[in-house]
Amino acid sequence: MAPKRTETVVEPLAGDPKHAAGDPKHAARATRTAGRRMRSLLLDGASRLFKAKGLAGTSISDIAAAADAFPSQITYYFRTKEALFVEAACRDMLYVARATEQAALRTQTPRDYTLALVETVTATDSVAFFAEALTLTRRRPDLAPLVERTIERLHAEGMRAYAEQIQRHGWRSLRDPDASSRRFWALAIGVMVEGFAMGRSPEEMAAEMLRVLGDQATTKAAGSGLRLVGSGVIEETSEGESES
């Protein structure tokens, strides 16, 4: 039997000559860079394991092994397995949001825009992963602020992206961009939690989302004007009509 490896996790000091040749500022930057890289590796490994085995089925040792790290590094950077779970889920959710925005940028019509959003979101299990983090905060309210910040960022970036598309193409939105963004993400979470519970395929979940969402915008009628005003609100400029 191979001997167990032992560890002593010590964060390098800024002035340690082993980490920087007499340059404390350089050493501090190197230490921060190494710390960010280790956190990222731990989050990557944790995300894969949590999605495959769940919170209860994943141990700190499993995560450490997946990231080629020591268990004490997990407690150093995240304190608890539950905190790591929530942070990994929030990060994955923001990655999904970025992917949906990039997919939708290539569309030219309101319907194709909605389809791109829906197909990108339902192609991943990250939304269901995030929903588990939402549930976990009921028992761990100390973890709720990270989830709250993630939700607000989803809404803010979704509103911005949608408002920019409306302005770019001259579409007429059926509701203001903030309401559209909040409605989309609330529906995505609900449909996918239900879908995973009932064993639905990504295609079935996408079809359900499209059915409930319906049209979000229409092509602007000829002769009307459209401009972007404060907070991402879209304002019609023809015949005194406005829609926010």
C-alpha atoms as a PDB file:
ATOM      1  CA  MET A   1       0.000   0.000   0.000  1.00  0.00           C
ATOM      2  CA  ALA A   2       1.328   3.391  -0.955  1.00  0.00           C
ATOM      3  CA  PRO A   3       1.894   5.714   1.998  1.00  0.00           C
ATOM      4  CA  LYS A   4      -0.603   8.482   2.455  1.00  0.00           C
ATOM      5  CA  ARG A   5       0.601  11.883   1.431  1.00  0.00           C
ATOM      6  CA  THR A   6       0.836  14.425   4.166  1.00  0.00           C
ATOM      7  CA  GLU A   7       0.347  18.133   3.898  1.00  0.00           C
ATOM      8  CA  THR A   8       1.075  21.399   5.544  1.00  0.00           C
ATOM      9  CA  VAL A   9      -0.920  24.157   3.923  1.00  0.00           C
ATOM     10  CA  VAL A  10       0.763  27.472   4.536  1.00  0.00           C
ATOM     11  CA  GLU A  11      -0.119  30.571   2.562  1.00  0.00           C
ATOM     12  CA  PRO A  12       3.168  32.155   1.422  1.00  0.00           C
ATOM     13  CA  LEU A  13       4.073  35.458   2.970  1.00  0.00           C
ATOM     14  CA  ALA A  14       4.492  38.451   0.701  1.00  0.00           C
ATOM     15  CA  GLY A  15       8.124  38.967   1.681  1.00  0.00           C
ATOM     16  CA  ASP A  16       9.195  35.334   1.506  1.00  0.00           C
ATOM     17  CA  PRO A  17      12.279  35.235  -0.766  1.00  0.00           C
ATOM     18  CA  LYS A  18      11.295  31.762  -1.931  1.00  0.00           C
ATOM     19  CA  HIS A  19       8.303  33.300  -3.699  1.00  0.00           C
ATOM     20  CA  ALA A  20       9.792  36.529  -4.949  1.00  0.00           C
ATOM     21  CA  ALA A  21      13.332  37.757  -5.224  1.00  0.00           C
ATOM     22  CA  GLY A  22      13.229  40.630  -2.772  1.00  0.00           C
ATOM     23  CA  ASP A  23      10.039  42.169  -4.195  1.00  0.00           C
ATOM     24  CA  PRO A  24       7.165  42.027  -1.685  1.00  0.00           C
ATOM     25  CA  LYS A  25       4.672  43.526  -4.149  1.00  0.00           C
ATOM     26  CA  HIS A  26       5.537  40.924  -6.759  1.00  0.00           C
ATOM     27  CA  ALA A  27       5.212  38.159  -4.159  1.00  0.00           C
ATOM     28  CA  ALA A  28       1.820  39.453  -3.045  1.00  0.00           C
ATOM     29  CA  ARG A  29       0.574  39.503  -6.642  1.00  0.00           C
ATOM     30  CA  ALA A  30       1.912  35.994  -7.230  1.00  0.00           C
ATOM     31  CA  THR A  31       0.207  34.786  -4.067  1.00  0.00           C
ATOM     32  CA  ARG A  32      -3.125  36.317  -5.107  1.00  0.00           C
ATOM     33  CA  THR A  33      -2.817  34.817  -8.591  1.00  0.00           C
ATOM     34  CA  ALA A  34      -2.069  31.372  -7.175  1.00  0.00           C
ATOM     35  CA  GLY A  35      -4.998  31.721  -4.786  1.00  0.00           C
ATOM     36  CA  ARG A  36      -7.413  32.655  -7.576  1.00  0.00           C
ATOM     37  CA  ARG A  37      -6.186  29.731  -9.658  1.00  0.00           C
ATOM     38  CA  MET A  38      -6.659  27.270  -6.797  1.00  0.00           C
ATOM     39  CA  ARG A  39     -10.160  28.603  -6.070  1.00  0.00           C
ATOM     40  CA  SER A  40     -11.044  28.202  -9.745  1.00  0.00           C
ATOM     41  CA  LEU A  41      -9.743  24.625  -9.841  1.00  0.00           C
ATOM     42  CA  LEU A  42     -11.714  23.749  -6.705  1.00  0.00           C
ATOM     43  CA  LEU A  43     -14.872  25.294  -8.144  1.00  0.00           C
ATOM     44  CA  ASP A  44     -14.405  23.404 -11.424  1.00  0.00           C
ATOM     45  CA  GLY A  45     -13.972  20.071  -9.659  1.00  0.00           C
ATOM     46  CA  ALA A  46     -16.792  20.746  -7.204  1.00  0.00           C
ATOM     47  CA  SER A  47     -19.216  21.732  -9.957  1.00  0.00           C
ATOM     48  CA  ARG A  48     -18.682  18.484 -11.862  1.00  0.00           C
ATOM     49  CA  LEU A  49     -19.036  16.340  -8.744  1.00  0.00           C
ATOM     50  CA  PHE A  50     -22.020  18.163  -7.263  1.00  0.00           C
ATOM     51  CA  LYS A  51     -23.932  17.876 -10.547  1.00  0.00           C
ATOM     52  CA  ALA A  52     -23.147  14.176 -10.828  1.00  0.00           C
ATOM     53  CA  LYS A  53     -23.510  13.083  -7.186  1.00  0.00           C
ATOM     54  CA  GLY A  54     -25.285  15.867  -5.332  1.00  0.00           C
ATOM     55  CA  LEU A  55     -24.252  17.647  -2.164  1.00  0.00           C
ATOM     56  CA  ALA A  56     -24.689  14.675   0.154  1.00  0.00           C
ATOM     57  CA  GLY A  57     -22.929  12.274  -2.223  1.00  0.00           C
ATOM     58  CA  THR A  58     -19.833  14.422  -2.638  1.00  0.00           C
ATOM     59  CA  SER A  59     -17.157  14.616   0.040  1.00  0.00           C
ATOM     60  CA  ILE A  60     -14.517  17.252   0.598  1.00  0.00           C
ATOM     61  CA  SER A  61     -11.917  14.590  -0.126  1.00  0.00           C
ATOM     62  CA  ASP A  62     -13.570  13.862  -3.493  1.00  0.00           C
ATOM     63  CA  ILE A  63     -13.406  17.527  -4.451  1.00  0.00           C
ATOM     64  CA  ALA A  64      -9.811  17.887  -3.332  1.00  0.00           C
ATOM     65  CA  ALA A  65      -8.808  14.836  -5.384  1.00  0.00           C
ATOM     66  CA  ALA A  66     -10.612  16.190  -8.475  1.00  0.00           C
ATOM     67  CA  ALA A  67      -8.698  19.465  -8.181  1.00  0.00           C
ATOM     68  CA  ASP A  68      -5.376  17.838  -7.196  1.00  0.00           C
ATOM     69  CA  ALA A  69      -5.554  19.791  -3.952  1.00  0.00           C
ATOM     70  CA  PHE A  70      -5.646  19.099  -0.226  1.00  0.00           C
ATOM     71  CA  PRO A  71      -8.914  18.993   1.772  1.00  0.00           C
ATOM     72  CA  SER A  72      -7.652  21.801   4.009  1.00  0.00           C
ATOM     73  CA  GLN A  73      -7.447  24.094   0.973  1.00  0.00           C
ATOM     74  CA  ILE A  74     -11.211  23.761   0.547  1.00  0.00           C
ATOM     75  CA  THR A  75     -11.854  24.850   4.115  1.00  0.00           C
ATOM     76  CA  TYR A  76      -9.267  27.616   3.750  1.00  0.00           C
ATOM     77  CA  TYR A  77     -10.922  29.154   0.673  1.00  0.00           C
ATOM     78  CA  PHE A  78     -14.601  28.266   1.231  1.00  0.00           C
ATOM     79  CA  ARG A  79     -14.943  27.331   4.915  1.00  0.00           C
ATOM     80  CA  THR A  80     -17.623  24.641   4.339  1.00  0.00           C
ATOM     81  CA  LYS A  81     -18.762  22.234   1.647  1.00  0.00           C
ATOM     82  CA  GLU A  82     -22.139  23.976   1.579  1.00  0.00           C
ATOM     83  CA  ALA A  83     -20.542  27.358   0.889  1.00  0.00           C
ATOM     84  CA  LEU A  84     -18.540  25.796  -1.943  1.00  0.00           C
ATOM     85  CA  PHE A  85     -21.732  24.245  -3.320  1.00  0.00           C
ATOM     86  CA  VAL A  86     -23.527  27.592  -3.434  1.00  0.00           C
ATOM     87  CA  GLU A  87     -20.593  29.464  -4.944  1.00  0.00           C
ATOM     88  CA  ALA A  88     -20.107  26.792  -7.626  1.00  0.00           C
ATOM     89  CA  ALA A  89     -23.809  26.892  -8.499  1.00  0.00           C
ATOM     90  CA  CYS A  90     -23.844  30.690  -8.703  1.00  0.00           C
ATOM     91  CA  ARG A  91     -20.766  30.739 -10.916  1.00  0.00           C
ATOM     92  CA  ASP A  92     -22.284  28.134 -13.246  1.00  0.00           C
ATOM     93  CA  MET A  93     -25.487  30.159 -13.490  1.00  0.00           C
ATOM     94  CA  LEU A  94     -23.591  33.270 -14.556  1.00  0.00           C
ATOM     95  CA  TYR A  95     -21.701  31.218 -17.151  1.00  0.00           C
ATOM     96  CA  VAL A  96     -25.048  30.065 -18.556  1.00  0.00           C
ATOM     97  CA  ALA A  97     -26.320  33.638 -18.650  1.00  0.00           C
ATOM     98  CA  ARG A  98     -23.263  34.715 -20.632  1.00  0.00           C
ATOM     99  CA  ALA A  99     -23.693  31.797 -23.043  1.00  0.00           C
ATOM    100  CA  THR A 100     -27.365  32.655 -23.640  1.00  0.00           C
ATOM    101  CA  GLU A 101     -26.492  36.269 -24.353  1.00  0.00           C
ATOM    102  CA  GLN A 102     -23.798  35.280 -26.848  1.00  0.00           C
ATOM    103  CA  ALA A 103     -26.134  32.836 -28.616  1.00  0.00           C
ATOM    104  CA  ALA A 104     -28.906  35.423 -28.851  1.00  0.00           C
ATOM    105  CA  LEU A 105     -26.583  38.056 -30.330  1.00  0.00           C
ATOM    106  CA  ARG A 106     -26.527  36.119 -33.599  1.00  0.00           C
ATOM    107  CA  THR A 107     -30.304  36.261 -34.099  1.00  0.00           C
ATOM    108  CA  GLN A 108     -32.241  38.689 -36.288  1.00  0.00           C
ATOM    109  CA  THR A 109     -35.882  38.286 -35.239  1.00  0.00           C
ATOM    110  CA  PRO A 110     -37.670  38.387 -31.854  1.00  0.00           C
ATOM    111  CA  ARG A 111     -38.769  34.770 -32.185  1.00  0.00           C
ATOM    112  CA  ASP A 112     -35.270  33.533 -33.023  1.00  0.00           C
ATOM    113  CA  TYR A 113     -33.931  35.584 -30.107  1.00  0.00           C
ATOM    114  CA  THR A 114     -36.265  33.838 -27.649  1.00  0.00           C
ATOM    115  CA  LEU A 115     -35.540  30.444 -29.203  1.00  0.00           C
ATOM    116  CA  ALA A 116     -31.777  30.954 -28.824  1.00  0.00           C
ATOM    117  CA  LEU A 117     -32.171  31.904 -25.163  1.00  0.00           C
ATOM    118  CA  VAL A 118     -34.398  28.934 -24.390  1.00  0.00           C
ATOM    119  CA  GLU A 119     -32.343  26.325 -26.236  1.00  0.00           C
ATOM    120  CA  THR A 120     -29.112  27.473 -24.592  1.00  0.00           C
ATOM    121  CA  VAL A 121     -30.576  27.437 -21.089  1.00  0.00           C
ATOM    122  CA  THR A 122     -32.272  24.046 -21.393  1.00  0.00           C
ATOM    123  CA  ALA A 123     -29.177  22.395 -22.890  1.00  0.00           C
ATOM    124  CA  THR A 124     -27.424  22.480 -19.501  1.00  0.00           C
ATOM    125  CA  ASP A 125     -28.173  21.271 -15.985  1.00  0.00           C
ATOM    126  CA  SER A 126     -26.686  24.412 -14.426  1.00  0.00           C
ATOM    127  CA  VAL A 127     -30.094  26.011 -13.828  1.00  0.00           C
ATOM    128  CA  ALA A 128     -31.267  23.004 -11.812  1.00  0.00           C
ATOM    129  CA  PHE A 129     -27.945  23.100  -9.938  1.00  0.00           C
ATOM    130  CA  PHE A 130     -28.608  26.735  -9.063  1.00  0.00           C
ATOM    131  CA  ALA A 131     -32.131  25.862  -7.919  1.00  0.00           C
ATOM    132  CA  GLU A 132     -30.599  23.438  -5.405  1.00  0.00           C
ATOM    133  CA  ALA A 133     -28.453  26.285  -4.086  1.00  0.00           C
ATOM    134  CA  LEU A 134     -31.604  28.379  -3.677  1.00  0.00           C
ATOM    135  CA  THR A 135     -33.153  25.624  -1.572  1.00  0.00           C
ATOM    136  CA  LEU A 136     -30.016  25.224   0.517  1.00  0.00           C
ATOM    137  CA  THR A 137     -30.162  28.853   1.657  1.00  0.00           C
ATOM    138  CA  ARG A 138     -33.350  28.090   3.597  1.00  0.00           C
ATOM    139  CA  ARG A 139     -31.207  26.108   6.030  1.00  0.00           C
ATOM    140  CA  ARG A 140     -28.119  28.268   5.607  1.00  0.00           C
ATOM    141  CA  PRO A 141     -29.268  31.907   5.517  1.00  0.00           C
ATOM    142  CA  ASP A 142     -25.631  33.011   5.811  1.00  0.00           C
ATOM    143  CA  LEU A 143     -25.194  31.840   2.210  1.00  0.00           C
ATOM    144  CA  ALA A 144     -28.206  33.764   0.883  1.00  0.00           C
ATOM    145  CA  PRO A 145     -26.346  37.025   0.035  1.00  0.00           C
ATOM    146  CA  LEU A 146     -24.305  35.326  -2.705  1.00  0.00           C
ATOM    147  CA  VAL A 147     -27.471  33.885  -4.256  1.00  0.00           C
ATOM    148  CA  GLU A 148     -29.198  37.269  -4.039  1.00  0.00           C
ATOM    149  CA  ARG A 149     -26.287  39.009  -5.779  1.00  0.00           C
ATOM    150  CA  THR A 150     -26.286  36.352  -8.493  1.00  0.00           C
ATOM    151  CA  ILE A 151     -30.016  36.784  -9.143  1.00  0.00           C
ATOM    152  CA  GLU A 152     -29.725  40.551  -9.333  1.00  0.00           C
ATOM    153  CA  ARG A 153     -26.810  40.236 -11.739  1.00  0.00           C
ATOM    154  CA  LEU A 154     -28.832  37.838 -13.906  1.00  0.00           C
ATOM    155  CA  HIS A 155     -31.668  40.327 -14.065  1.00  0.00           C
ATOM    156  CA  ALA A 156     -29.445  43.354 -14.685  1.00  0.00           C
ATOM    157  CA  GLU A 157     -27.393  41.745 -17.435  1.00  0.00           C
ATOM    158  CA  GLY A 158     -30.453  40.157 -19.014  1.00  0.00           C
ATOM    159  CA  MET A 159     -32.204  43.517 -19.079  1.00  0.00           C
ATOM    160  CA  ARG A 160     -29.177  45.198 -20.619  1.00  0.00           C
ATOM    161  CA  ALA A 161     -28.728  42.555 -23.305  1.00  0.00           C
ATOM    162  CA  TYR A 162     -32.419  42.552 -24.246  1.00  0.00           C
ATOM    163  CA  ALA A 163     -32.625  46.356 -24.350  1.00  0.00           C
ATOM    164  CA  GLU A 164     -29.596  46.490 -26.621  1.00  0.00           C
ATOM    165  CA  GLN A 165     -31.144  43.953 -28.997  1.00  0.00           C
ATOM    166  CA  ILE A 166     -34.396  45.897 -29.141  1.00  0.00           C
ATOM    167  CA  GLN A 167     -32.548  49.085 -29.936  1.00  0.00           C
ATOM    168  CA  ARG A 168     -30.268  47.400 -32.446  1.00  0.00           C
ATOM    169  CA  HIS A 169     -33.054  45.756 -34.466  1.00  0.00           C
ATOM    170  CA  GLY A 170     -35.872  48.213 -33.827  1.00  0.00           C
ATOM    171  CA  TRP A 171     -38.167  45.629 -32.269  1.00  0.00           C
ATOM    172  CA  ARG A 172     -41.198  46.550 -30.201  1.00  0.00           C
ATOM    173  CA  SER A 173     -41.053  44.861 -26.797  1.00  0.00           C
ATOM    174  CA  LEU A 174     -44.318  43.645 -25.280  1.00  0.00           C
ATOM    175  CA  ARG A 175     -43.084  44.549 -21.790  1.00  0.00           C
ATOM    176  CA  ASP A 176     -40.150  46.515 -20.390  1.00  0.00           C
ATOM    177  CA  PRO A 177     -36.732  44.793 -20.531  1.00  0.00           C
ATOM    178  CA  ASP A 178     -36.402  44.443 -16.760  1.00  0.00           C
ATOM    179  CA  ALA A 179     -39.750  42.632 -16.505  1.00  0.00           C
ATOM    180  CA  SER A 180     -38.818  40.463 -19.497  1.00  0.00           C
ATOM    181  CA  SER A 181     -35.509  39.440 -17.937  1.00  0.00           C
ATOM    182  CA  ARG A 182     -37.030  38.638 -14.551  1.00  0.00           C
ATOM    183  CA  ARG A 183     -39.878  36.706 -16.155  1.00  0.00           C
ATOM    184  CA  PHE A 184     -37.488  34.687 -18.320  1.00  0.00           C
ATOM    185  CA  TRP A 185     -35.233  33.569 -15.477  1.00  0.00           C
ATOM    186  CA  ALA A 186     -38.095  32.818 -13.087  1.00  0.00           C
ATOM    187  CA  LEU A 187     -39.713  30.683 -15.774  1.00  0.00           C
ATOM    188  CA  ALA A 188     -36.432  28.969 -16.678  1.00  0.00           C
ATOM    189  CA  ILE A 189     -35.821  27.922 -13.069  1.00  0.00           C
ATOM    190  CA  GLY A 190     -39.396  26.718 -12.571  1.00  0.00           C
ATOM    191  CA  VAL A 191     -39.653  24.776 -15.828  1.00  0.00           C
ATOM    192  CA  MET A 192     -36.271  23.104 -15.400  1.00  0.00           C
ATOM    193  CA  VAL A 193     -36.804  22.096 -11.776  1.00  0.00           C
ATOM    194  CA  GLU A 194     -40.115  20.550 -12.780  1.00  0.00           C
ATOM    195  CA  GLY A 195     -38.584  19.018 -15.895  1.00  0.00           C
ATOM    196  CA  PHE A 196     -35.705  17.327 -14.072  1.00  0.00           C
ATOM    197  CA  ALA A 197     -38.106  16.030 -11.414  1.00  0.00           C
ATOM    198  CA  MET A 198     -40.337  14.495 -14.095  1.00  0.00           C
ATOM    199  CA  GLY A 199     -37.527  13.178 -16.271  1.00  0.00           C
ATOM    200  CA  ARG A 200     -38.209  15.444 -19.227  1.00  0.00           C
ATOM    201  CA  SER A 201     -35.693  15.855 -22.023  1.00  0.00           C
ATOM    202  CA  PRO A 202     -34.056  19.208 -22.827  1.00  0.00           C
ATOM    203  CA  GLU A 203     -36.253  19.395 -25.950  1.00  0.00           C
ATOM    204  CA  GLU A 204     -39.412  18.930 -23.896  1.00  0.00           C
ATOM    205  CA  MET A 205     -38.337  21.584 -21.412  1.00  0.00           C
ATOM    206  CA  ALA A 206     -37.505  23.975 -24.243  1.00  0.00           C
ATOM    207  CA  ALA A 207     -40.936  23.412 -25.815  1.00  0.00           C
ATOM    208  CA  GLU A 208     -42.628  24.122 -22.484  1.00  0.00           C
ATOM    209  CA  MET A 209     -40.641  27.308 -21.954  1.00  0.00           C
ATOM    210  CA  LEU A 210     -41.480  28.559 -25.436  1.00  0.00           C
ATOM    211  CA  ARG A 211     -45.161  27.765 -24.912  1.00  0.00           C
ATOM    212  CA  VAL A 212     -45.362  29.719 -21.661  1.00  0.00           C
ATOM    213  CA  LEU A 213     -43.107  32.603 -22.745  1.00  0.00           C
ATOM    214  CA  GLY A 214     -44.919  33.269 -25.995  1.00  0.00           C
ATOM    215  CA  ASP A 215     -43.827  36.303 -27.969  1.00  0.00           C
ATOM    216  CA  GLN A 216     -41.600  38.764 -26.109  1.00  0.00           C
ATOM    217  CA  ALA A 217     -41.361  41.338 -28.867  1.00  0.00           C
ATOM    218  CA  THR A 218     -42.588  42.074 -32.367  1.00  0.00           C
ATOM    219  CA  THR A 219     -40.960  43.618 -35.400  1.00  0.00           C
ATOM    220  CA  LYS A 220     -41.303  47.404 -35.266  1.00  0.00           C
ATOM    221  CA  ALA A 221     -43.949  48.837 -37.550  1.00  0.00           C
ATOM    222  CA  ALA A 222     -42.654  50.990 -40.404  1.00  0.00           C
ATOM    223  CA  GLY A 223     -42.407  54.673 -39.649  1.00  0.00           C
ATOM    224  CA  SER A 224     -42.224  54.435 -35.864  1.00  0.00           C
ATOM    225  CA  GLY A 225     -39.214  55.489 -33.864  1.00  0.00           C
ATOM    226  CA  LEU A 226     -37.531  53.750 -30.972  1.00  0.00           C
ATOM    227  CA  ARG A 227     -34.916  54.885 -28.535  1.00  0.00           C
ATOM    228  CA  LEU A 228     -33.238  53.602 -25.387  1.00  0.00           C
ATOM    229  CA  VAL A 229     -33.719  55.786 -22.310  1.00  0.00           C
ATOM    230  CA  GLY A 230     -32.681  55.488 -18.670  1.00  0.00           C
ATOM    231  CA  SER A 231     -32.459  52.086 -16.957  1.00  0.00           C
ATOM    232  CA  GLY A 232     -32.879  50.179 -20.194  1.00  0.00           C
ATOM    233  CA  VAL A 233     -36.455  51.356 -20.810  1.00  0.00           C
ATOM    234  CA  ILE A 234     -37.630  51.334 -24.425  1.00  0.00           C
ATOM    235  CA  GLU A 235     -39.688  54.303 -25.545  1.00  0.00           C
ATOM    236  CA  GLU A 236     -41.770  54.621 -28.721  1.00  0.00           C
ATOM    237  CA  THR A 237     -41.419  58.070 -30.280  1.00  0.00           C
ATOM    238  CA  SER A 238     -44.147  58.037 -32.923  1.00  0.00           C
ATOM    239  CA  GLU A 239     -47.644  59.465 -32.406  1.00  0.00           C
ATOM    240  CA  GLY A 240     -46.927  60.058 -28.733  1.00  0.00           C
ATOM    241  CA  GLU A 241     -47.234  56.366 -27.886  1.00  0.00           C
ATOM    242  CA  SER A 242     -44.830  54.767 -25.416  1.00  0.00           C
ATOM    243  CA  GLU A 243     -44.230  51.306 -24.113  1.00  0.00           C
ATOM    244  CA  SER A 244     -41.948  50.526 -21.171  1.00  0.00           C
END
